[in-house]
PDB file of N, CA and C in Angstrom:
ATOM      1  N   MET A   1      -4.301  47.974  23.439  1.00  0.00           N
ATOM      2  CA  MET A   1      -4.714  46.857  22.614  1.00  0.00           C
ATOM      3  C   MET A   1      -3.733  46.680  21.464  1.00  0.00           C
ATOM      4  N   MET A   2      -3.295  45.450  21.291  1.00  0.00           N
ATOM      5  CA  MET A   2      -2.382  45.147  20.192  1.00  0.00           C
ATOM      6  C   MET A   2      -2.836  43.847  19.532  1.00  0.00           C
ATOM      7  N   ILE A   3      -2.887  43.866  18.203  1.00  0.00           N
ATOM      8  CA  ILE A   3      -3.197  42.655  17.444  1.00  0.00           C
ATOM      9  C   ILE A   3      -1.919  42.215  16.754  1.00  0.00           C
ATOM     10  N   LYS A   4      -1.525  40.989  17.024  1.00  0.00           N
ATOM     11  CA  LYS A   4      -0.327  40.429  16.410  1.00  0.00           C
ATOM     12  C   LYS A   4      -0.730  39.252  15.530  1.00  0.00           C
ATOM     13  N   LEU A   5       0.156  38.900  14.627  1.00  0.00           N
ATOM     14  CA  LEU A   5      -0.037  37.731  13.762  1.00  0.00           C
ATOM     15  C   LEU A   5       1.102  36.754  14.005  1.00  0.00           C
ATOM     16  N   LYS A   6       0.764  35.463  13.947  1.00  0.00           N
ATOM     17  CA  LYS A   6       1.799  34.456  14.154  1.00  0.00           C
ATOM     18  C   LYS A   6       1.367  33.144  13.504  1.00  0.00           C
ATOM     19  N   ARG A   7       2.321  32.499  12.907  1.00  0.00           N
ATOM     20  CA  ARG A   7       2.055  31.172  12.360  1.00  0.00           C
ATOM     21  C   ARG A   7       1.932  30.196  13.520  1.00  0.00           C
ATOM     22  N   ILE A   8       0.918  29.373  13.503  1.00  0.00           N
ATOM     23  CA  ILE A   8       0.649  28.487  14.631  1.00  0.00           C
ATOM     24  C   ILE A   8       1.777  27.485  14.877  1.00  0.00           C
ATOM     25  N   TYR A   9       2.566  27.216  13.863  1.00  0.00           N
ATOM     26  CA  TYR A   9       3.681  26.276  14.014  1.00  0.00           C
ATOM     27  C   TYR A   9       4.898  26.916  14.699  1.00  0.00           C
ATOM     28  N   ASP A  10       4.884  28.241  14.843  1.00  0.00           N
ATOM     29  CA  ASP A  10       5.951  28.924  15.571  1.00  0.00           C
ATOM     30  C   ASP A  10       5.730  28.712  17.065  1.00  0.00           C
ATOM     31  N   PRO A  11       6.807  28.616  17.842  1.00  0.00           N
ATOM     32  CA  PRO A  11       6.636  28.386  19.278  1.00  0.00           C
ATOM     33  C   PRO A  11       5.913  29.546  19.965  1.00  0.00           C
ATOM     34  N   PRO A  12       5.041  29.229  20.913  1.00  0.00           N
ATOM     35  CA  PRO A  12       4.375  30.292  21.677  1.00  0.00           C
ATOM     36  C   PRO A  12       5.406  31.053  22.521  1.00  0.00           C
ATOM     37  N   THR A  13       5.132  32.330  22.731  1.00  0.00           N
ATOM     38  CA  THR A  13       5.985  33.145  23.591  1.00  0.00           C
ATOM     39  C   THR A  13       5.097  33.907  24.576  1.00  0.00           C
ATOM     40  N   PRO A  14       5.650  34.321  25.704  1.00  0.00           N
ATOM     41  CA  PRO A  14       4.842  35.022  26.712  1.00  0.00           C
ATOM     42  C   PRO A  14       4.183  36.300  26.193  1.00  0.00           C
ATOM     43  N   ASP A  15       4.795  36.964  25.208  1.00  0.00           N
ATOM     44  CA  ASP A  15       4.217  38.212  24.702  1.00  0.00           C
ATOM     45  C   ASP A  15       3.102  38.001  23.678  1.00  0.00           C
ATOM     46  N   ASP A  16       2.687  36.744  23.451  1.00  0.00           N
ATOM     47  CA  ASP A  16       1.575  36.459  22.539  1.00  0.00           C
ATOM     48  C   ASP A  16       0.237  36.946  23.095  1.00  0.00           C
ATOM     49  N   GLY A  17       0.120  37.038  24.393  1.00  0.00           N
ATOM     50  CA  GLY A  17      -1.171  37.381  24.983  1.00  0.00           C
ATOM     51  C   GLY A  17      -2.155  36.241  24.747  1.00  0.00           C
ATOM     52  N   ILE A  18      -3.376  36.571  24.379  1.00  0.00           N
ATOM     53  CA  ILE A  18      -4.398  35.574  24.077  1.00  0.00           C
ATOM     54  C   ILE A  18      -4.159  35.078  22.651  1.00  0.00           C
ATOM     55  N   ARG A  19      -4.045  33.770  22.506  1.00  0.00           N
ATOM     56  CA  ARG A  19      -3.764  33.162  21.196  1.00  0.00           C
ATOM     57  C   ARG A  19      -5.072  32.643  20.591  1.00  0.00           C
ATOM     58  N   VAL A  20      -5.435  33.208  19.422  1.00  0.00           N
ATOM     59  CA  VAL A  20      -6.707  32.889  18.777  1.00  0.00           C
ATOM     60  C   VAL A  20      -6.450  32.312  17.383  1.00  0.00           C
ATOM     61  N   LEU A  21      -6.825  31.061  17.196  1.00  0.00           N
ATOM     62  CA  LEU A  21      -6.722  30.439  15.875  1.00  0.00           C
ATOM     63  C   LEU A  21      -7.882  30.926  15.024  1.00  0.00           C
ATOM     64  N   VAL A  22      -7.572  31.456  13.825  1.00  0.00           N
ATOM     65  CA  VAL A  22      -8.610  32.038  12.967  1.00  0.00           C
ATOM     66  C   VAL A  22      -8.747  31.286  11.647  1.00  0.00           C
ATOM     67  N   ASP A  23      -8.348  30.036  11.622  1.00  0.00           N
ATOM     68  CA  ASP A  23      -8.513  29.180  10.450  1.00  0.00           C
ATOM     69  C   ASP A  23      -9.761  28.321  10.623  1.00  0.00           C
ATOM     70  N   GLY A  24     -10.355  27.956   9.509  1.00  0.00           N
ATOM     71  CA  GLY A  24     -11.535  27.110   9.552  1.00  0.00           C
ATOM     72  C   GLY A  24     -11.220  25.644   9.783  1.00  0.00           C
ATOM     73  N   LEU A  25     -10.008  25.248   9.432  1.00  0.00           N
ATOM     74  CA  LEU A  25      -9.573  23.861   9.600  1.00  0.00           C
ATOM     75  C   LEU A  25      -8.454  23.805  10.628  1.00  0.00           C
ATOM     76  N   TRP A  26      -8.432  22.715  11.391  1.00  0.00           N
ATOM     77  CA  TRP A  26      -7.348  22.550  12.346  1.00  0.00           C
ATOM     78  C   TRP A  26      -6.040  22.326  11.574  1.00  0.00           C
ATOM     79  N   PRO A  27      -4.941  22.943  12.006  1.00  0.00           N
ATOM     80  CA  PRO A  27      -3.654  22.814  11.300  1.00  0.00           C
ATOM     81  C   PRO A  27      -3.157  21.372  11.234  1.00  0.00           C
ATOM     82  N   ARG A  28      -2.663  20.997  10.081  1.00  0.00           N
ATOM     83  CA  ARG A  28      -2.165  19.637   9.866  1.00  0.00           C
ATOM     84  C   ARG A  28      -0.965  19.336  10.745  1.00  0.00           C
ATOM     85  N   GLY A  29      -0.947  18.126  11.269  1.00  0.00           N
ATOM     86  CA  GLY A  29       0.206  17.632  11.999  1.00  0.00           C
ATOM     87  C   GLY A  29       0.436  18.260  13.359  1.00  0.00           C
ATOM     88  N   LEU A  30      -0.531  18.978  13.873  1.00  0.00           N
ATOM     89  CA  LEU A  30      -0.368  19.659  15.159  1.00  0.00           C
ATOM     90  C   LEU A  30      -1.428  19.160  16.130  1.00  0.00           C
ATOM     91  N   ARG A  31      -0.967  18.618  17.236  1.00  0.00           N
ATOM     92  CA  ARG A  31      -1.916  18.153  18.254  1.00  0.00           C
ATOM     93  C   ARG A  31      -2.438  19.367  19.025  1.00  0.00           C
ATOM     94  N   LYS A  32      -3.660  19.265  19.485  1.00  0.00           N
ATOM     95  CA  LYS A  32      -4.275  20.389  20.194  1.00  0.00           C
ATOM     96  C   LYS A  32      -3.508  20.765  21.454  1.00  0.00           C
ATOM     97  N   ASP A  33      -2.948  19.800  22.140  1.00  0.00           N
ATOM     98  CA  ASP A  33      -2.202  20.116  23.360  1.00  0.00           C
ATOM     99  C   ASP A  33      -0.869  20.804  23.052  1.00  0.00           C
ATOM    100  N   GLU A  34      -0.363  20.669  21.846  1.00  0.00           N
ATOM    101  CA  GLU A  34       0.885  21.328  21.432  1.00  0.00           C
ATOM    102  C   GLU A  34       0.655  22.766  20.972  1.00  0.00           C
ATOM    103  N   ALA A  35      -0.534  23.053  20.507  1.00  0.00           N
ATOM    104  CA  ALA A  35      -0.816  24.323  19.834  1.00  0.00           C
ATOM    105  C   ALA A  35      -0.893  25.524  20.769  1.00  0.00           C
ATOM    106  N   LYS A  36      -1.245  25.294  22.004  1.00  0.00           N
ATOM    107  CA  LYS A  36      -1.375  26.394  22.971  1.00  0.00           C
ATOM    108  C   LYS A  36      -2.323  27.479  22.451  1.00  0.00           C
ATOM    109  N   VAL A  37      -3.497  27.031  22.009  1.00  0.00           N
ATOM    110  CA  VAL A  37      -4.530  27.933  21.506  1.00  0.00           C
ATOM    111  C   VAL A  37      -5.506  28.231  22.641  1.00  0.00           C
ATOM    112  N   ASP A  38      -5.745  29.510  22.901  1.00  0.00           N
ATOM    113  CA  ASP A  38      -6.708  29.885  23.936  1.00  0.00           C
ATOM    114  C   ASP A  38      -8.143  29.842  23.413  1.00  0.00           C
ATOM    115  N   LEU A  39      -8.292  30.121  22.120  1.00  0.00           N
ATOM    116  CA  LEU A  39      -9.620  30.178  21.521  1.00  0.00           C
ATOM    117  C   LEU A  39      -9.503  29.861  20.040  1.00  0.00           C
ATOM    118  N   TRP A  40     -10.418  29.029  19.557  1.00  0.00           N
ATOM    119  CA  TRP A  40     -10.473  28.732  18.126  1.00  0.00           C
ATOM    120  C   TRP A  40     -11.745  29.368  17.587  1.00  0.00           C
ATOM    121  N   LEU A  41     -11.593  30.446  16.829  1.00  0.00           N
ATOM    122  CA  LEU A  41     -12.739  31.154  16.250  1.00  0.00           C
ATOM    123  C   LEU A  41     -12.864  30.814  14.769  1.00  0.00           C
ATOM    124  N   ARG A  42     -13.241  29.590  14.489  1.00  0.00           N
ATOM    125  CA  ARG A  42     -13.332  29.166  13.088  1.00  0.00           C
ATOM    126  C   ARG A  42     -14.416  29.914  12.325  1.00  0.00           C
ATOM    127  N   GLU A  43     -15.382  30.492  13.060  1.00  0.00           N
ATOM    128  CA  GLU A  43     -16.461  31.210  12.375  1.00  0.00           C
ATOM    129  C   GLU A  43     -15.999  32.505  11.711  1.00  0.00           C
ATOM    130  N   VAL A  44     -14.809  33.007  12.049  1.00  0.00           N
ATOM    131  CA  VAL A  44     -14.313  34.218  11.378  1.00  0.00           C
ATOM    132  C   VAL A  44     -13.392  33.881  10.205  1.00  0.00           C
ATOM    133  N   ALA A  45     -13.188  32.614   9.948  1.00  0.00           N
ATOM    134  CA  ALA A  45     -12.363  32.176   8.810  1.00  0.00           C
ATOM    135  C   ALA A  45     -13.117  32.399   7.497  1.00  0.00           C
ATOM    136  N   PRO A  46     -12.406  32.442   6.394  1.00  0.00           N
ATOM    137  CA  PRO A  46     -13.081  32.551   5.090  1.00  0.00           C
ATOM    138  C   PRO A  46     -13.986  31.333   4.856  1.00  0.00           C
ATOM    139  N   SER A  47     -15.008  31.529   4.071  1.00  0.00           N
ATOM    140  CA  SER A  47     -15.890  30.411   3.727  1.00  0.00           C
ATOM    141  C   SER A  47     -15.085  29.318   3.013  1.00  0.00           C
ATOM    142  N   LYS A  48     -15.590  28.118   3.063  1.00  0.00           N
ATOM    143  CA  LYS A  48     -14.932  26.991   2.401  1.00  0.00           C
ATOM    144  C   LYS A  48     -14.737  27.294   0.913  1.00  0.00           C
ATOM    145  N   GLU A  49     -15.759  27.866   0.298  1.00  0.00           N
ATOM    146  CA  GLU A  49     -15.698  28.174  -1.135  1.00  0.00           C
ATOM    147  C   GLU A  49     -14.588  29.185  -1.438  1.00  0.00           C
ATOM    148  N   LEU A  50     -14.507  30.226  -0.610  1.00  0.00           N
ATOM    149  CA  LEU A  50     -13.483  31.246  -0.836  1.00  0.00           C
ATOM    150  C   LEU A  50     -12.083  30.684  -0.583  1.00  0.00           C
ATOM    151  N   ARG A  51     -11.946  29.918   0.481  1.00  0.00           N
ATOM    152  CA  ARG A  51     -10.648  29.312   0.797  1.00  0.00           C
ATOM    153  C   ARG A  51     -10.184  28.410  -0.335  1.00  0.00           C
ATOM    154  N   GLU A  52     -11.079  27.588  -0.850  1.00  0.00           N
ATOM    155  CA  GLU A  52     -10.714  26.677  -1.938  1.00  0.00           C
ATOM    156  C   GLU A  52     -10.420  27.444  -3.224  1.00  0.00           C
ATOM    157  N   TRP A  53     -11.180  28.501  -3.497  1.00  0.00           N
ATOM    158  CA  TRP A  53     -10.939  29.306  -4.702  1.00  0.00           C
ATOM    159  C   TRP A  53      -9.558  29.963  -4.627  1.00  0.00           C
ATOM    160  N   PHE A  54      -9.226  30.554  -3.472  1.00  0.00           N
ATOM    161  CA  PHE A  54      -7.943  31.250  -3.306  1.00  0.00           C
ATOM    162  C   PHE A  54      -6.774  30.274  -3.415  1.00  0.00           C
ATOM    163  N   SER A  55      -6.851  29.184  -2.701  1.00  0.00           N
ATOM    164  CA  SER A  55      -5.835  28.129  -2.748  1.00  0.00           C
ATOM    165  C   SER A  55      -4.406  28.685  -2.639  1.00  0.00           C
ATOM    166  N   HIS A  56      -4.262  29.778  -1.900  1.00  0.00           N
ATOM    167  CA  HIS A  56      -2.958  30.421  -1.659  1.00  0.00           C
ATOM    168  C   HIS A  56      -2.217  30.770  -2.952  1.00  0.00           C
ATOM    169  N   ASP A  57      -2.990  31.116  -3.989  1.00  0.00           N
ATOM    170  CA  ASP A  57      -2.425  31.539  -5.268  1.00  0.00           C
ATOM    171  C   ASP A  57      -2.149  33.044  -5.184  1.00  0.00           C
ATOM    172  N   PRO A  58      -0.872  33.454  -5.187  1.00  0.00           N
ATOM    173  CA  PRO A  58      -0.552  34.886  -5.058  1.00  0.00           C
ATOM    174  C   PRO A  58      -1.244  35.773  -6.085  1.00  0.00           C
ATOM    175  N   SER A  59      -1.527  35.239  -7.269  1.00  0.00           N
ATOM    176  CA  SER A  59      -2.189  36.055  -8.294  1.00  0.00           C
ATOM    177  C   SER A  59      -3.652  36.353  -7.931  1.00  0.00           C
ATOM    178  N   ARG A  60      -4.212  35.624  -6.976  1.00  0.00           N
ATOM    179  CA  ARG A  60      -5.603  35.840  -6.545  1.00  0.00           C
ATOM    180  C   ARG A  60      -5.684  36.635  -5.242  1.00  0.00           C
ATOM    181  N   TRP A  61      -4.556  37.078  -4.729  1.00  0.00           N
ATOM    182  CA  TRP A  61      -4.497  37.714  -3.416  1.00  0.00           C
ATOM    183  C   TRP A  61      -5.404  38.935  -3.294  1.00  0.00           C
ATOM    184  N   GLU A  62      -5.320  39.869  -4.207  1.00  0.00           N
ATOM    185  CA  GLU A  62      -6.122  41.098  -4.097  1.00  0.00           C
ATOM    186  C   GLU A  62      -7.618  40.801  -4.147  1.00  0.00           C
ATOM    187  N   GLU A  63      -7.998  39.889  -5.018  1.00  0.00           N
ATOM    188  CA  GLU A  63      -9.420  39.526  -5.098  1.00  0.00           C
ATOM    189  C   GLU A  63      -9.850  38.765  -3.844  1.00  0.00           C
ATOM    190  N   PHE A  64      -8.973  37.916  -3.323  1.00  0.00           N
ATOM    191  CA  PHE A  64      -9.273  37.219  -2.073  1.00  0.00           C
ATOM    192  C   PHE A  64      -9.505  38.231  -0.951  1.00  0.00           C
ATOM    193  N   ARG A  65      -8.645  39.226  -0.833  1.00  0.00           N
ATOM    194  CA  ARG A  65      -8.797  40.260   0.196  1.00  0.00           C
ATOM    195  C   ARG A  65     -10.156  40.944   0.077  1.00  0.00           C
ATOM    196  N   ARG A  66     -10.509  41.304  -1.143  1.00  0.00           N
ATOM    197  CA  ARG A  66     -11.794  41.993  -1.353  1.00  0.00           C
ATOM    198  C   ARG A  66     -12.958  41.099  -0.944  1.00  0.00           C
ATOM    199  N   ARG A  67     -12.950  39.851  -1.404  1.00  0.00           N
ATOM    200  CA  ARG A  67     -14.056  38.928  -1.114  1.00  0.00           C
ATOM    201  C   ARG A  67     -14.135  38.582   0.378  1.00  0.00           C
ATOM    202  N   TYR A  68     -12.987  38.371   1.005  1.00  0.00           N
ATOM    203  CA  TYR A  68     -12.988  38.011   2.420  1.00  0.00           C
ATOM    204  C   TYR A  68     -13.485  39.174   3.275  1.00  0.00           C
ATOM    205  N   LYS A  69     -13.068  40.394   2.949  1.00  0.00           N
ATOM    206  CA  LYS A  69     -13.565  41.551   3.689  1.00  0.00           C
ATOM    207  C   LYS A  69     -15.085  41.684   3.542  1.00  0.00           C
ATOM    208  N   ALA A  70     -15.593  41.366   2.367  1.00  0.00           N
ATOM    209  CA  ALA A  70     -17.045  41.395   2.158  1.00  0.00           C
ATOM    210  C   ALA A  70     -17.724  40.342   3.037  1.00  0.00           C
ATOM    211  N   GLU A  71     -17.102  39.170   3.164  1.00  0.00           N
ATOM    212  CA  GLU A  71     -17.652  38.144   4.062  1.00  0.00           C
ATOM    213  C   GLU A  71     -17.610  38.619   5.511  1.00  0.00           C
ATOM    214  N   LEU A  72     -16.525  39.269   5.893  1.00  0.00           N
ATOM    215  CA  LEU A  72     -16.382  39.730   7.271  1.00  0.00           C
ATOM    216  C   LEU A  72     -17.414  40.789   7.642  1.00  0.00           C
ATOM    217  N   GLU A  73     -17.823  41.597   6.668  1.00  0.00           N
ATOM    218  CA  GLU A  73     -18.853  42.616   6.915  1.00  0.00           C
ATOM    219  C   GLU A  73     -20.141  41.986   7.438  1.00  0.00           C
ATOM    220  N   LYS A  74     -20.425  40.760   7.019  1.00  0.00           N
ATOM    221  CA  LYS A  74     -21.668  40.075   7.388  1.00  0.00           C
ATOM    222  C   LYS A  74     -21.454  39.004   8.453  1.00  0.00           C
ATOM    223  N   ASN A  75     -20.233  38.877   8.931  1.00  0.00           N
ATOM    224  CA  ASN A  75     -19.870  37.789   9.842  1.00  0.00           C
ATOM    225  C   ASN A  75     -20.273  38.122  11.279  1.00  0.00           C
ATOM    226  N   GLU A  76     -21.087  37.256  11.866  1.00  0.00           N
ATOM    227  CA  GLU A  76     -21.565  37.480  13.231  1.00  0.00           C
ATOM    228  C   GLU A  76     -20.487  37.191  14.276  1.00  0.00           C
ATOM    229  N   GLY A  77     -19.509  36.364  13.952  1.00  0.00           N
ATOM    230  CA  GLY A  77     -18.455  36.019  14.894  1.00  0.00           C
ATOM    231  C   GLY A  77     -17.464  37.137  15.142  1.00  0.00           C
ATOM    232  N   ILE A  78     -17.450  38.130  14.280  1.00  0.00           N
ATOM    233  CA  ILE A  78     -16.476  39.210  14.395  1.00  0.00           C
ATOM    234  C   ILE A  78     -16.697  40.030  15.669  1.00  0.00           C
ATOM    235  N   SER A  79     -17.929  40.127  16.132  1.00  0.00           N
ATOM    236  CA  SER A  79     -18.195  40.916  17.345  1.00  0.00           C
ATOM    237  C   SER A  79     -17.541  40.277  18.570  1.00  0.00           C
ATOM    238  N   ALA A  80     -17.524  38.964  18.655  1.00  0.00           N
ATOM    239  CA  ALA A  80     -16.860  38.285  19.773  1.00  0.00           C
ATOM    240  C   ALA A  80     -15.359  38.569  19.759  1.00  0.00           C
ATOM    241  N   LEU A  81     -14.779  38.591  18.577  1.00  0.00           N
ATOM    242  CA  LEU A  81     -13.353  38.883  18.458  1.00  0.00           C
ATOM    243  C   LEU A  81     -13.069  40.344  18.829  1.00  0.00           C
ATOM    244  N   ARG A  82     -13.925  41.241  18.416  1.00  0.00           N
ATOM    245  CA  ARG A  82     -13.750  42.656  18.773  1.00  0.00           C
ATOM    246  C   ARG A  82     -13.815  42.852  20.296  1.00  0.00           C
ATOM    247  N   GLU A  83     -14.750  42.177  20.932  1.00  0.00           N
ATOM    248  CA  GLU A  83     -14.872  42.279  22.392  1.00  0.00           C
ATOM    249  C   GLU A  83     -13.620  41.760  23.088  1.00  0.00           C
ATOM    250  N   LEU A  84     -13.100  40.654  22.605  1.00  0.00           N
ATOM    251  CA  LEU A  84     -11.879  40.082  23.167  1.00  0.00           C
ATOM    252  C   LEU A  84     -10.716  41.067  23.024  1.00  0.00           C
ATOM    253  N   ILE A  85     -10.612  41.687  21.875  1.00  0.00           N
ATOM    254  CA  ILE A  85      -9.538  42.641  21.615  1.00  0.00           C
ATOM    255  C   ILE A  85      -9.658  43.854  22.533  1.00  0.00           C
ATOM    256  N   LYS A  86     -10.872  44.292  22.820  1.00  0.00           N
ATOM    257  CA  LYS A  86     -11.079  45.422  23.731  1.00  0.00           C
ATOM    258  C   LYS A  86     -10.645  45.076  25.159  1.00  0.00           C
ATOM    259  N   ARG A  87     -10.868  43.830  25.565  1.00  0.00           N
ATOM    260  CA  ARG A  87     -10.579  43.400  26.939  1.00  0.00           C
ATOM    261  C   ARG A  87      -9.116  43.076  27.189  1.00  0.00           C
ATOM    262  N   GLU A  88      -8.445  42.563  26.186  1.00  0.00           N
ATOM    263  CA  GLU A  88      -7.084  42.053  26.364  1.00  0.00           C
ATOM    264  C   GLU A  88      -6.033  43.040  25.867  1.00  0.00           C
ATOM    265  N   LYS A  89      -4.897  43.023  26.512  1.00  0.00           N
ATOM    266  CA  LYS A  89      -3.795  43.905  26.109  1.00  0.00           C
ATOM    267  C   LYS A  89      -3.227  43.476  24.755  1.00  0.00           C
ATOM    268  N   THR A  90      -3.049  42.154  24.575  1.00  0.00           N
ATOM    269  CA  THR A  90      -2.502  41.629  23.321  1.00  0.00           C
ATOM    270  C   THR A  90      -3.307  40.408  22.884  1.00  0.00           C
ATOM    271  N   VAL A  91      -3.662  40.396  21.616  1.00  0.00           N
ATOM    272  CA  VAL A  91      -4.320  39.234  20.999  1.00  0.00           C
ATOM    273  C   VAL A  91      -3.477  38.846  19.791  1.00  0.00           C
ATOM    274  N   THR A  92      -3.109  37.584  19.725  1.00  0.00           N
ATOM    275  CA  THR A  92      -2.344  37.083  18.585  1.00  0.00           C
ATOM    276  C   THR A  92      -3.250  36.209  17.740  1.00  0.00           C
ATOM    277  N   LEU A  93      -3.419  36.604  16.485  1.00  0.00           N
ATOM    278  CA  LEU A  93      -4.211  35.822  15.534  1.00  0.00           C
ATOM    279  C   LEU A  93      -3.284  34.768  14.929  1.00  0.00           C
ATOM    280  N   LEU A  94      -3.667  33.517  15.087  1.00  0.00           N
ATOM    281  CA  LEU A  94      -2.860  32.401  14.617  1.00  0.00           C
ATOM    282  C   LEU A  94      -3.388  31.877  13.293  1.00  0.00           C
ATOM    283  N   PHE A  95      -2.478  31.563  12.383  1.00  0.00           N
ATOM    284  CA  PHE A  95      -2.829  31.016  11.075  1.00  0.00           C
ATOM    285  C   PHE A  95      -1.873  29.877  10.760  1.00  0.00           C
ATOM    286  N   SER A  96      -2.260  29.015   9.839  1.00  0.00           N
ATOM    287  CA  SER A  96      -1.393  27.885   9.502  1.00  0.00           C
ATOM    288  C   SER A  96      -0.733  28.015   8.131  1.00  0.00           C
ATOM    289  N   ALA A  97      -1.149  28.973   7.336  1.00  0.00           N
ATOM    290  CA  ALA A  97      -0.606  29.135   5.980  1.00  0.00           C
ATOM    291  C   ALA A  97       0.910  29.335   6.006  1.00  0.00           C
ATOM    292  N   ARG A  98       1.573  28.825   4.995  1.00  0.00           N
ATOM    293  CA  ARG A  98       3.034  29.022   4.884  1.00  0.00           C
ATOM    294  C   ARG A  98       3.387  30.457   4.528  1.00  0.00           C
ATOM    295  N   ASP A  99       2.545  31.072   3.719  1.00  0.00           N
ATOM    296  CA  ASP A  99       2.777  32.447   3.277  1.00  0.00           C
ATOM    297  C   ASP A  99       2.371  33.400   4.403  1.00  0.00           C
ATOM    298  N   ARG A 100       3.338  34.039   5.007  1.00  0.00           N
ATOM    299  CA  ARG A 100       3.097  34.913   6.152  1.00  0.00           C
ATOM    300  C   ARG A 100       2.521  36.276   5.750  1.00  0.00           C
ATOM    301  N   GLU A 101       2.604  36.620   4.485  1.00  0.00           N
ATOM    302  CA  GLU A 101       2.141  37.930   4.029  1.00  0.00           C
ATOM    303  C   GLU A 101       0.798  37.894   3.324  1.00  0.00           C
ATOM    304  N   ARG A 102       0.403  36.737   2.845  1.00  0.00           N
ATOM    305  CA  ARG A 102      -0.855  36.603   2.099  1.00  0.00           C
ATOM    306  C   ARG A 102      -1.654  35.443   2.673  1.00  0.00           C
ATOM    307  N   ASN A 103      -2.420  35.733   3.729  1.00  0.00           N
ATOM    308  CA  ASN A 103      -3.278  34.717   4.340  1.00  0.00           C
ATOM    309  C   ASN A 103      -4.463  35.406   5.004  1.00  0.00           C
ATOM    310  N   ASN A 104      -5.416  34.634   5.438  1.00  0.00           N
ATOM    311  CA  ASN A 104      -6.642  35.203   5.990  1.00  0.00           C
ATOM    312  C   ASN A 104      -6.411  36.030   7.252  1.00  0.00           C
ATOM    313  N   ALA A 105      -5.429  35.675   8.073  1.00  0.00           N
ATOM    314  CA  ALA A 105      -5.171  36.435   9.302  1.00  0.00           C
ATOM    315  C   ALA A 105      -4.707  37.858   8.983  1.00  0.00           C
ATOM    316  N   VAL A 106      -3.947  38.023   7.920  1.00  0.00           N
ATOM    317  CA  VAL A 106      -3.496  39.354   7.497  1.00  0.00           C
ATOM    318  C   VAL A 106      -4.709  40.220   7.153  1.00  0.00           C
ATOM    319  N   VAL A 107      -5.635  39.658   6.408  1.00  0.00           N
ATOM    320  CA  VAL A 107      -6.839  40.402   6.009  1.00  0.00           C
ATOM    321  C   VAL A 107      -7.710  40.684   7.228  1.00  0.00           C
ATOM    322  N   LEU A 108      -7.845  39.700   8.092  1.00  0.00           N
ATOM    323  CA  LEU A 108      -8.659  39.874   9.295  1.00  0.00           C
ATOM    324  C   LEU A 108      -8.096  40.991  10.179  1.00  0.00           C
ATOM    325  N   LYS A 109      -6.812  41.026  10.350  1.00  0.00           N
ATOM    326  CA  LYS A 109      -6.171  42.085  11.150  1.00  0.00           C
ATOM    327  C   LYS A 109      -6.437  43.453  10.523  1.00  0.00           C
ATOM    328  N   GLU A 110      -6.265  43.555   9.208  1.00  0.00           N
ATOM    329  CA  GLU A 110      -6.564  44.818   8.503  1.00  0.00           C
ATOM    330  C   GLU A 110      -8.007  45.236   8.756  1.00  0.00           C
ATOM    331  N   PHE A 111      -8.908  44.294   8.619  1.00  0.00           N
ATOM    332  CA  PHE A 111     -10.327  44.561   8.777  1.00  0.00           C
ATOM    333  C   PHE A 111     -10.634  45.065  10.195  1.00  0.00           C
ATOM    334  N   LEU A 112     -10.050  44.413  11.190  1.00  0.00           N
ATOM    335  CA  LEU A 112     -10.292  44.794  12.582  1.00  0.00           C
ATOM    336  C   LEU A 112      -9.720  46.176  12.899  1.00  0.00           C
ATOM    337  N   GLU A 113      -8.584  46.494  12.338  1.00  0.00           N
ATOM    338  CA  GLU A 113      -7.945  47.775  12.619  1.00  0.00           C
ATOM    339  C   GLU A 113      -8.652  48.933  11.910  1.00  0.00           C
ATOM    340  N   ILE A 114      -9.201  48.673  10.764  1.00  0.00           N
ATOM    341  CA  ILE A 114      -9.884  49.731   9.995  1.00  0.00           C
ATOM    342  C   ILE A 114     -11.306  49.962  10.507  1.00  0.00           C
ATOM    343  N   SER A 115     -11.986  48.885  10.865  1.00  0.00           N
ATOM    344  CA  SER A 115     -13.422  48.988  11.219  1.00  0.00           C
ATOM    345  C   SER A 115     -13.642  48.932  12.726  1.00  0.00           C
ATOM    346  N   LYS A 116     -12.858  49.655  13.493  1.00  0.00           N
ATOM    347  CA  LYS A 116     -12.977  49.635  14.967  1.00  0.00           C
ATOM    348  C   LYS A 116     -14.306  50.173  15.429  1.00  0.00           C
TER     349      LYS A 116
END
């Protein structure tokens, strides 16, 4: 089992495995047929309130991580993602944020790897 991260605007590659979009909103300017998304799990995305509060402000990153992990603890959609990860050799979590190091997919991957 391998969990990878990839920006949805990057071209798909054969080693992506199952491609799972983990954002609550569909990425701007991208048609669904172009995205090559196998599954859109918007229910594992941060709440609207948390997403708007964070607003990709690097100074809020640590607090965003803490709050999002707390949301994930209570998130019912996480079990479906865990099952998928158990079944598939590779799962790529797709995100649309420009910041590749500070986004919800990074936190989600950490959460999944720690709480197996």
